Amino acid sequence: MTRPRLAAALVAAATALLLTGCVAGEGGTASTSTKDDSGKVVTHGGTLTIDYATYNPLSLIIKKEGWLETALAKQDVKVDWVLSAGSSQANQLLSSGSGDVASSAGSAALLNRANGSPIKAIDEYSQPDWSAIVVGKDSKYTSVAQLKGKKIAAQLGTDPYFFLLQALEANGLTAKDVTIVNLTHANGWAALQNGSVDAWSGLDPIMANAQVTAGAKIIYDHPDFNSYGTLIATEKFLSSEPDVAQTVVNAYEHARAWAQDNQDETVQILADAAQIDPAVAKAVIDERTNLDIPGTPGQKQLDVWKTIGPGFVANGDVASQSQVDDALKSIIDDSFAKAADASAIG
C-alpha cells in the first residue's frame, strides 16, 4: 500500500482540529448475570465503558448510529463513550480499570501487554497508513538523516512514536541522536507550528489536516512501519461479560460493512468528529485507511508486531525480550471476531 499525496484540489478552508481527552467513568461491571438454556452468560444491567477516536472511523460510526445502545437496551446495559486522543490514552483507560474496550495501535497494545496490562486484542478495525515524519511548510529539512541533533515531537507509546524509532533506524540514526519531545498528537502539531520542535511524527487525521490547511510536508513515509488499528479489551471484561463483548465486536463488523456501503456518510462522520473539512476526511478514508480487512486478529498482525517488539527493549520501553515474547503469545483472543455476526446489529 502506498500513500498518494493529497491533491492540490483538496486545499480548502478547514476548521482547526481539536482533540482533547474526556474524563472516563468507571469501567462497566454487570450488576447481575445469568445463563441461558445453552449455558451462555447473559449480562443484566451495568455500564459498558468504551472509547471512540478520530483515528478509528468505525468507532465514530457506531457511536453516531447508536447501535450499541439499541442492542444492549434489552439487557438494561448502558453505554458510556469516552474520547481517546491517542493509543496512550486508550490503553490508560483500560489499565486504570476505568474502561472495558478501547481503540489502539497494535504496537501500543503489545507494549502495554508486555508491561503487564491485562488486555487482549479482540478485533482489527483498520490497516492504516496513518503515521509519517512531518516538517513545517518552510522547513529546510527534507530527510530524516538531517534531523540528527534536532527535536522531534511524538507521543510516547503510540504508533507515531514507534514509527519514528523505525524511521530513525532506517536512516542510520537512533533515538539517542535526536531529542524526542513527548507531546500528544495535537500538541505535537502545535509545537511544530510554533517552532518548539523541528519535526513531528504525526497521526491522521491531524496530519492530513496540517498538510491541507498549513502546508505541512511529509519527508518520510513507510506504510509497513504502521501497525494495525486494534480493538482491545480487558481480560476481566471478557471473562465476566462475554455476551456484551460479543455485541461490541458484532457492532464493529456491522460498521465495517456499513462504511463500505456508505462511503460519503463515513467521510462526513469523520469530518464532523475531527472538525476537519470533508475533503480532508475523504483523503484520510480513501487514501490512508483500509477498512476492508478481516476483523479477526491473527498472524498478519503478529508478523508486524514481531518486528516492532525488539525496539521496545532496545529503547528501554520494556525490560526484556521475554516479556515481549510472552505478550505476543498471549495478546490475541480471536474468539469474538470469529463468532461475529454483523446481522445481529441494526
Protein backbone atom coordinates (compact mmCIF):
# COMPACT_ATOMS: atom_id res chain seq x y z
CA MET A 1 0.00 0.00 0.00
CA THR A 2 1.36 3.43 -0.92
CA ARG A 3 0.28 6.85 0.25
CA PRO A 4 -0.94 9.08 -2.58
CA ARG A 5 -0.12 12.71 -1.93
CA LEU A 6 -3.08 14.94 -1.23
CA ALA A 7 -4.17 16.54 -4.47
CA ALA A 8 -3.97 20.30 -4.74
CA ALA A 9 -7.71 20.35 -5.26
CA LEU A 10 -8.12 19.37 -1.62
CA VAL A 11 -6.62 22.64 -0.41
CA ALA A 12 -9.60 24.42 1.07
CA ALA A 13 -10.56 26.10 4.29
CA ALA A 14 -10.89 23.68 7.19
CA THR A 15 -11.58 24.26 10.82
CA ALA A 16 -8.83 23.71 13.38
CA LEU A 17 -8.62 20.17 14.63
CA LEU A 18 -9.36 19.86 18.33
CA LEU A 19 -8.56 16.60 20.07
CA THR A 20 -8.97 16.65 23.83
CA GLY A 21 -9.45 13.80 26.24
CA CYS A 22 -12.58 13.22 28.26
CA VAL A 23 -12.74 12.13 31.84
CA ALA A 24 -13.53 8.44 31.94
CA GLY A 25 -16.23 6.95 34.06
CA GLU A 26 -15.76 3.74 35.93
CA GLY A 27 -15.37 0.56 33.93
CA GLY A 28 -18.63 -1.26 33.41
CA THR A 29 -19.34 -4.29 35.58
CA ALA A 30 -22.50 -6.33 35.37
CA SER A 31 -24.97 -5.85 38.18
CA THR A 32 -26.17 -9.43 37.66
CA SER A 33 -25.58 -12.26 35.23
CA THR A 34 -27.45 -15.43 34.40
CA LYS A 35 -27.05 -18.27 31.95
CA ASP A 36 -29.44 -19.13 29.16
CA ASP A 37 -30.55 -22.63 28.21
CA SER A 38 -27.35 -23.21 26.26
CA GLY A 39 -25.20 -22.19 29.22
CA LYS A 40 -24.11 -18.85 27.78
CA VAL A 41 -23.69 -15.85 30.10
CA VAL A 42 -26.37 -13.17 29.83
CA THR A 43 -25.50 -9.82 31.41
CA HIS A 44 -28.17 -7.67 33.07
CA GLY A 45 -27.61 -4.05 33.99
CA GLY A 46 -24.33 -2.22 34.48
CA THR A 47 -22.39 0.03 32.11
CA LEU A 48 -20.18 -0.68 29.13
CA THR A 49 -17.38 1.92 29.06
CA ILE A 50 -15.95 2.11 25.56
CA ASP A 51 -13.88 4.67 23.70
CA TYR A 52 -14.24 6.42 20.40
CA ALA A 53 -11.40 8.05 18.46
CA THR A 54 -10.91 10.01 15.27
CA TYR A 55 -8.20 7.51 14.29
CA ASN A 56 -10.84 4.76 14.48
CA PRO A 57 -13.60 5.63 11.98
CA LEU A 58 -15.64 2.55 12.86
CA SER A 59 -15.95 3.74 16.46
CA LEU A 60 -17.34 7.07 15.23
CA ILE A 61 -19.95 5.31 13.10
CA ILE A 62 -21.06 3.02 15.92
CA LYS A 63 -21.36 5.92 18.34
CA LYS A 64 -23.29 8.14 15.94
CA GLU A 65 -25.69 5.41 14.87
CA GLY A 66 -26.39 4.31 18.44
CA TRP A 67 -26.15 0.63 17.58
CA LEU A 68 -24.68 -0.45 20.92
CA GLU A 69 -27.29 1.43 22.91
CA THR A 70 -30.04 -0.25 20.91
CA ALA A 71 -28.52 -3.73 21.03
CA LEU A 72 -27.84 -3.62 24.78
CA ALA A 73 -31.05 -1.88 25.86
CA LYS A 74 -32.91 -5.18 26.22
CA GLN A 75 -30.31 -6.21 28.81
CA ASP A 76 -30.52 -2.84 30.55
CA VAL A 77 -26.80 -2.29 29.89
CA LYS A 78 -25.91 1.38 29.49
CA VAL A 79 -23.12 2.66 27.23
CA ASP A 80 -20.59 5.27 28.34
CA TRP A 81 -18.49 6.69 25.48
CA VAL A 82 -15.06 8.15 26.27
CA LEU A 83 -12.88 10.03 23.77
CA SER A 84 -9.33 8.73 23.25
CA ALA A 85 -6.91 11.28 21.78
CA GLY A 86 -4.31 8.59 21.13
CA SER A 87 -3.34 5.00 21.86
CA SER A 88 -1.69 6.04 25.12
CA GLN A 89 -4.97 7.37 26.45
CA ALA A 90 -6.85 4.34 25.16
CA ASN A 91 -4.53 1.94 26.93
CA GLN A 92 -4.54 4.05 30.09
CA LEU A 93 -8.33 3.88 30.11
CA LEU A 94 -8.13 0.10 30.36
CA SER A 95 -5.04 -0.30 32.53
CA SER A 96 -6.51 2.09 35.10
CA GLY A 97 -9.64 -0.03 35.36
CA SER A 98 -11.78 2.85 34.07
CA GLY A 99 -12.87 1.24 30.83
CA ASP A 100 -13.71 -2.02 29.11
CA VAL A 101 -12.95 -1.62 25.39
CA ALA A 102 -10.66 0.82 23.55
CA SER A 103 -9.03 1.69 20.22
CA SER A 104 -5.28 1.19 19.99
CA ALA A 105 -2.49 0.88 17.52
CA GLY A 106 -1.30 -2.72 17.62
CA SER A 107 2.16 -1.58 18.68
CA ALA A 108 0.82 0.27 21.72
CA ALA A 109 -1.36 -2.68 22.69
CA LEU A 110 1.65 -5.00 22.53
CA LEU A 111 3.76 -2.59 24.57
CA ASN A 112 1.17 -2.40 27.32
CA ARG A 113 0.58 -6.15 27.33
CA ALA A 114 4.35 -6.69 27.61
CA ASN A 115 4.41 -4.36 30.60
CA GLY A 116 1.69 -6.27 32.39
CA SER A 117 -1.57 -4.66 31.29
CA PRO A 118 -4.29 -7.37 31.30
CA ILE A 119 -5.63 -6.64 27.82
CA LYS A 120 -6.49 -8.69 24.76
CA ALA A 121 -6.74 -7.84 21.06
CA ILE A 122 -10.26 -8.87 20.04
CA ASP A 123 -10.80 -7.24 16.64
CA GLU A 124 -8.93 -5.30 13.93
CA TYR A 125 -10.68 -2.14 12.84
CA SER A 126 -8.27 -0.90 10.14
CA GLN A 127 -4.99 -1.29 8.34
CA PRO A 128 -3.88 2.33 8.35
CA ASP A 129 -1.16 4.37 6.74
CA TRP A 130 -1.60 6.94 9.47
CA SER A 131 1.92 7.94 10.57
CA ALA A 132 4.73 9.84 8.88
CA ILE A 133 7.54 12.29 9.68
CA VAL A 134 6.35 15.83 9.08
CA VAL A 135 8.01 19.27 8.94
CA GLY A 136 6.58 22.74 8.54
CA LYS A 137 5.82 24.45 5.27
CA ASP A 138 9.03 26.48 5.25
CA SER A 139 11.31 23.88 6.83
CA LYS A 140 14.75 23.34 5.34
CA TYR A 141 14.71 19.66 6.31
CA THR A 142 13.98 17.19 3.55
CA SER A 143 15.17 13.89 5.06
CA VAL A 144 15.23 12.07 8.38
CA ALA A 145 19.04 11.99 8.32
CA GLN A 146 19.06 15.80 8.51
CA LEU A 147 17.21 15.66 11.84
CA LYS A 148 20.26 14.43 13.76
CA GLY A 149 20.59 16.57 16.88
CA LYS A 150 17.13 18.07 16.39
CA LYS A 151 13.88 17.99 18.36
CA ILE A 152 11.09 15.73 17.16
CA ALA A 153 7.62 15.63 18.70
CA ALA A 154 5.99 12.23 19.21
CA GLN A 155 3.55 10.82 21.72
CA LEU A 156 5.26 8.02 23.60
CA GLY A 157 3.57 4.64 23.45
CA THR A 158 1.72 5.33 20.20
CA ASP A 159 2.22 4.24 16.60
CA PRO A 160 3.81 7.57 15.56
CA TYR A 161 6.42 7.07 18.30
CA PHE A 162 7.26 3.55 17.14
CA PHE A 163 7.12 4.77 13.55
CA LEU A 164 9.72 7.38 14.48
CA LEU A 165 12.04 4.81 16.04
CA GLN A 166 11.87 2.68 12.91
CA ALA A 167 12.33 5.71 10.65
CA LEU A 168 15.45 6.74 12.57
CA GLU A 169 16.92 3.25 12.33
CA ALA A 170 16.16 3.06 8.61
CA ASN A 171 18.13 6.27 8.14
CA GLY A 172 21.17 5.33 10.21
CA LEU A 173 20.11 7.06 13.43
CA THR A 174 18.86 6.06 16.87
CA ALA A 175 16.68 7.73 19.46
CA LYS A 176 19.88 8.97 21.13
CA ASP A 177 20.72 11.01 18.03
CA VAL A 178 17.65 13.23 18.43
CA THR A 179 15.59 14.72 21.22
CA ILE A 180 12.14 13.15 21.31
CA VAL A 181 9.63 15.55 22.85
CA ASN A 182 6.68 13.66 24.34
CA LEU A 183 3.52 15.50 23.27
CA THR A 184 0.00 14.43 22.37
CA HIS A 185 -0.66 14.27 18.65
CA ALA A 186 -2.48 17.61 18.59
CA ASN A 187 0.13 19.31 20.77
CA GLY A 188 2.91 17.88 18.62
CA TRP A 189 1.46 19.61 15.59
CA ALA A 190 1.08 22.82 17.59
CA ALA A 191 4.72 22.60 18.67
CA LEU A 192 5.83 22.19 15.06
CA GLN A 193 3.81 25.26 14.12
CA ASN A 194 5.30 27.46 16.84
CA GLY A 195 8.84 26.27 16.24
CA SER A 196 9.30 24.41 19.53
CA VAL A 197 10.32 21.29 17.60
CA ASP A 198 11.95 20.73 14.23
CA ALA A 199 9.79 17.82 13.12
CA TRP A 200 6.76 15.85 14.21
CA SER A 201 5.86 12.19 13.93
CA GLY A 202 2.27 12.79 13.02
CA LEU A 203 -1.01 10.93 13.02
CA ASP A 204 -4.07 11.25 10.81
CA PRO A 205 -6.47 12.94 10.63
CA ILE A 206 -4.48 15.76 12.27
CA MET A 207 -1.61 15.20 9.84
CA ALA A 208 -3.80 15.34 6.73
CA ASN A 209 -5.43 18.49 8.05
CA ALA A 210 -1.99 20.00 8.68
CA GLN A 211 -0.98 19.32 5.09
CA VAL A 212 -4.08 20.88 3.63
CA THR A 213 -4.56 23.87 5.90
CA ALA A 214 -0.96 24.80 6.71
CA GLY A 215 1.21 23.27 4.03
CA ALA A 216 2.95 20.78 6.33
CA LYS A 217 5.28 18.49 4.39
CA ILE A 218 5.87 14.76 4.77
CA ILE A 219 9.59 13.99 4.50
CA TYR A 220 9.41 10.29 5.34
CA ASP A 221 6.64 7.78 4.85
CA HIS A 222 6.79 3.99 5.14
CA PRO A 223 3.38 2.25 5.33
CA ASP A 224 4.84 -1.04 6.60
CA PHE A 225 6.08 0.73 9.74
CA ASN A 226 2.49 1.28 10.86
CA SER A 227 0.83 -1.40 12.97
CA TYR A 228 -2.83 -2.30 12.67
CA GLY A 229 -5.74 -0.49 14.28
CA THR A 230 -6.67 -2.90 17.06
CA LEU A 231 -9.70 -3.12 19.32
CA ILE A 232 -8.56 -4.08 22.82
CA ALA A 233 -10.47 -5.12 25.92
CA THR A 234 -9.64 -6.03 29.49
CA GLU A 235 -9.47 -9.69 30.43
CA LYS A 236 -11.84 -9.01 33.33
CA PHE A 237 -14.48 -7.65 30.98
CA LEU A 238 -14.10 -10.51 28.51
CA SER A 239 -14.47 -13.14 31.21
CA SER A 240 -17.29 -11.50 33.18
CA GLU A 241 -19.35 -10.08 30.30
CA PRO A 242 -18.57 -12.15 27.20
CA ASP A 243 -22.02 -11.50 25.74
CA VAL A 244 -21.50 -7.73 25.89
CA ALA A 245 -18.05 -8.14 24.36
CA GLN A 246 -19.57 -10.16 21.53
CA THR A 247 -22.12 -7.41 20.93
CA VAL A 248 -19.29 -4.88 20.64
CA VAL A 249 -17.45 -6.98 18.05
CA ASN A 250 -20.72 -7.61 16.20
CA ALA A 251 -21.20 -3.84 16.05
CA TYR A 252 -17.69 -3.36 14.67
CA GLU A 253 -18.26 -5.89 11.91
CA HIS A 254 -21.61 -4.28 11.13
CA ALA A 255 -19.88 -0.88 10.97
CA ARG A 256 -17.17 -2.24 8.67
CA ALA A 257 -19.77 -3.33 6.12
CA TRP A 258 -21.79 -0.14 6.62
CA ALA A 259 -18.73 2.05 5.99
CA GLN A 260 -18.04 0.37 2.67
CA ASP A 261 -21.67 0.72 1.59
CA ASN A 262 -21.97 4.31 2.83
CA GLN A 263 -18.67 5.95 1.97
CA ASP A 264 -19.97 9.53 1.76
CA GLU A 265 -21.66 9.24 5.15
CA THR A 266 -18.49 7.73 6.64
CA VAL A 267 -16.45 10.68 5.38
CA GLN A 268 -18.93 13.16 6.84
CA ILE A 269 -18.97 11.39 10.21
CA LEU A 270 -15.17 11.64 10.39
CA ALA A 271 -15.22 15.27 9.25
CA ASP A 272 -17.75 16.19 11.94
CA ALA A 273 -15.98 14.29 14.72
CA ALA A 274 -12.49 15.56 13.87
CA GLN A 275 -13.68 19.05 12.90
CA ILE A 276 -11.96 18.92 9.53
CA ASP A 277 -13.03 19.71 6.00
CA PRO A 278 -14.85 16.81 4.31
CA ALA A 279 -12.24 16.86 1.54
CA VAL A 280 -9.54 16.11 4.10
CA ALA A 281 -11.67 13.41 5.72
CA LYS A 282 -12.23 11.85 2.31
CA ALA A 283 -8.48 11.71 1.68
CA VAL A 284 -7.94 10.04 5.06
CA ILE A 285 -10.63 7.43 4.41
CA ASP A 286 -9.87 6.80 0.74
CA GLU A 287 -6.07 7.05 0.69
CA ARG A 288 -4.83 6.30 4.19
CA THR A 289 -7.29 3.92 5.84
CA ASN A 290 -8.01 0.38 4.70
CA LEU A 291 -11.19 -0.76 6.44
CA ASP A 292 -11.70 -3.70 4.10
CA ILE A 293 -9.70 -6.20 6.13
CA PRO A 294 -10.62 -9.32 8.11
CA GLY A 295 -11.58 -8.33 11.64
CA THR A 296 -10.06 -11.42 13.19
CA PRO A 297 -6.63 -10.70 14.70
CA GLY A 298 -4.01 -13.26 13.77
CA GLN A 299 -0.73 -13.99 12.06
CA LYS A 300 -0.65 -10.88 9.86
CA GLN A 301 -0.80 -8.66 12.91
CA LEU A 302 1.68 -10.79 14.82
CA ASP A 303 4.17 -10.58 11.94
CA VAL A 304 4.08 -6.77 12.12
CA TRP A 305 4.23 -6.68 15.90
CA LYS A 306 7.19 -9.09 16.00
CA THR A 307 9.26 -6.60 14.00
CA ILE A 308 8.36 -3.79 16.39
CA GLY A 309 8.79 -5.71 19.67
CA PRO A 310 12.61 -5.77 19.86
CA GLY A 311 12.59 -1.99 19.61
CA PHE A 312 10.69 -1.83 22.89
CA VAL A 313 13.63 -3.45 24.65
CA ALA A 314 16.32 -1.57 22.76
CA ASN A 315 14.78 1.75 23.71
CA GLY A 316 14.00 0.84 27.31
CA ASP A 317 10.22 0.70 26.92
CA VAL A 318 10.14 -2.95 28.06
CA ALA A 319 12.66 -4.56 30.40
CA SER A 320 13.28 -7.80 28.48
CA GLN A 321 12.58 -9.56 25.21
CA SER A 322 10.99 -12.42 27.12
CA GLN A 323 8.21 -10.03 28.19
CA VAL A 324 7.62 -9.11 24.56
CA ASP A 325 7.61 -12.79 23.55
CA ASP A 326 5.11 -13.63 26.28
CA ALA A 327 2.90 -10.76 25.16
CA LEU A 328 2.99 -11.94 21.55
CA LYS A 329 1.86 -15.39 22.68
CA SER A 330 -0.98 -14.13 24.85
CA ILE A 331 -2.30 -10.84 23.46
CA ILE A 332 -4.80 -12.21 20.94
CA ASP A 333 -8.26 -13.52 21.72
CA ASP A 334 -9.82 -14.18 18.32
CA SER A 335 -12.91 -15.99 19.60
CA PHE A 336 -15.18 -12.95 19.45
CA ALA A 337 -14.17 -11.94 15.93
CA LYS A 338 -14.55 -15.50 14.69
CA ALA A 339 -18.06 -15.61 16.13
CA ALA A 340 -19.01 -12.13 14.91
CA ASP A 341 -22.50 -11.71 13.49
CA ALA A 342 -22.91 -8.33 11.80
CA SER A 343 -26.58 -9.09 11.13
CA ALA A 344 -27.25 -9.14 14.89
CA ILE A 345 -26.85 -5.35 14.88
CA GLY A 346 -29.21 -2.79 13.39
